[in-house]
Protein backbone atom coordinates (compact mmCIF):
# COMPACT_ATOMS: atom_id res chain seq x y z
CA MET A 1 159.88 158.47 95.97
CA THR A 2 156.19 158.63 96.55
CA PRO A 3 154.41 161.68 98.01
CA LEU A 4 154.06 160.04 101.11
CA ASP A 5 157.83 159.19 101.31
CA GLU A 6 158.64 162.91 100.55
CA ILE A 7 156.37 164.24 103.15
CA THR A 8 157.53 161.75 105.69
CA ALA A 9 161.25 162.76 105.00
CA ALA A 10 160.49 166.37 105.08
CA ILE A 11 158.61 166.13 108.38
CA ARG A 12 161.50 164.16 109.91
CA THR A 13 164.04 166.76 108.57
CA VAL A 14 161.94 169.61 110.25
CA LEU A 15 161.75 167.89 113.48
CA ALA A 16 165.28 166.96 113.55
CA ASP A 17 166.36 170.56 112.84
CA THR A 18 164.19 171.79 115.74
CA GLY A 19 165.73 169.28 118.05
CA ARG A 20 162.75 166.86 118.09
CA SER A 21 162.50 163.53 116.52
CA ALA A 22 159.95 161.07 115.15
CA PRO A 23 162.16 157.94 114.72
CA ASP A 24 160.09 156.23 117.54
CA ILE A 25 156.83 156.84 115.55
CA ALA A 26 155.85 153.91 113.26
CA PRO A 27 155.45 155.05 109.69
CA GLY A 28 151.72 154.09 109.83
CA ARG A 29 151.27 156.04 113.00
CA LEU A 30 153.05 159.13 111.63
CA LEU A 31 150.17 160.06 109.38
CA THR A 32 147.86 160.64 112.48
CA ALA A 33 150.33 161.56 115.20
CA ASP A 34 150.15 165.05 116.64
CA LEU A 35 153.82 166.23 116.19
CA GLY A 36 153.34 169.56 117.56
CA LEU A 37 154.12 171.39 114.44
CA ASP A 38 153.87 175.20 114.43
CA SER A 39 153.54 177.61 111.61
CA LEU A 40 157.16 177.81 111.30
CA ASP A 41 157.73 174.05 111.11
CA LEU A 42 154.92 173.87 108.64
CA ALA A 43 156.51 176.63 106.60
CA GLN A 44 159.93 174.78 106.45
CA THR A 45 158.18 171.52 105.53
CA ILE A 46 156.35 173.28 102.69
CA VAL A 47 159.66 174.66 101.53
CA LEU A 48 161.15 171.36 101.51
CA LEU A 49 158.33 169.71 99.62
CA GLU A 50 158.16 172.45 96.89
CA ARG A 51 161.78 171.70 96.33
CA SER A 52 161.41 168.02 96.34
CA LEU A 53 158.03 167.79 94.45
CA GLY A 54 157.96 170.97 92.64
CA ILE A 55 154.77 172.20 93.73
CA ASP A 56 153.31 174.54 96.39
CA PRO A 57 149.69 173.85 96.72
CA PHE A 58 149.15 176.67 99.10
CA ARG A 59 150.12 179.35 96.49
CA GLN A 60 147.24 177.76 94.50
CA ALA A 61 144.71 178.78 97.11
CA ALA A 62 144.65 182.40 96.42
CA ALA A 63 142.07 183.39 99.17
CA VAL A 64 143.02 182.80 102.81
CA GLU A 65 139.78 181.08 103.39
CA ASN A 66 140.52 178.50 100.56
CA ARG A 67 143.78 177.51 102.20
CA PRO A 68 143.47 174.08 103.84
CA THR A 69 144.15 173.41 107.56
CA ILE A 70 146.82 171.19 108.40
CA ARG A 71 146.65 169.24 111.66
CA THR A 72 148.42 165.97 110.86
CA VAL A 73 150.73 164.39 108.26
CA ALA A 74 147.74 162.84 106.86
CA ASP A 75 146.33 166.50 105.91
CA LEU A 76 149.67 167.16 104.03
CA VAL A 77 149.43 163.82 102.21
CA ALA A 78 145.94 164.70 101.19
CA ILE A 79 146.86 168.17 99.99
CA TYR A 80 149.86 167.15 98.12
CA THR A 81 148.40 164.06 96.50
CA SER A 82 145.52 166.05 95.46
CA ALA A 83 147.78 168.80 93.95
CA LEU A 84 149.85 166.25 92.26
CA SER A 85 146.77 164.69 90.71
CA SER A 86 145.31 167.96 89.50
CA PRO A 87 146.59 169.82 86.46
CA PRO A 88 148.14 173.24 87.19
CA SER A 89 145.52 176.12 86.94
CA GLN A 90 146.18 178.30 84.00
CA THR A 91 145.95 182.12 84.72
CA PRO A 92 144.97 184.35 81.62
């Protein structure tokens, strides 16, 4: 599965768990759709992605001001794609 597939699956799982659904949203539209995700939804999505992709790019952003803002699925795709292509940081 690609990162986009993993992210899409995680988003759909979180939406289904909260009684919402995105099956009527075309895959291309899902990237920019406002799905009404709140902070708990995002936390659940991040946990699912950490399990499936093995990374949590939000832990890598130590300072709050460095943490990325997520408004759309495209934001998540960009964050995880960047994290997957970057080597893990080494701490002394």
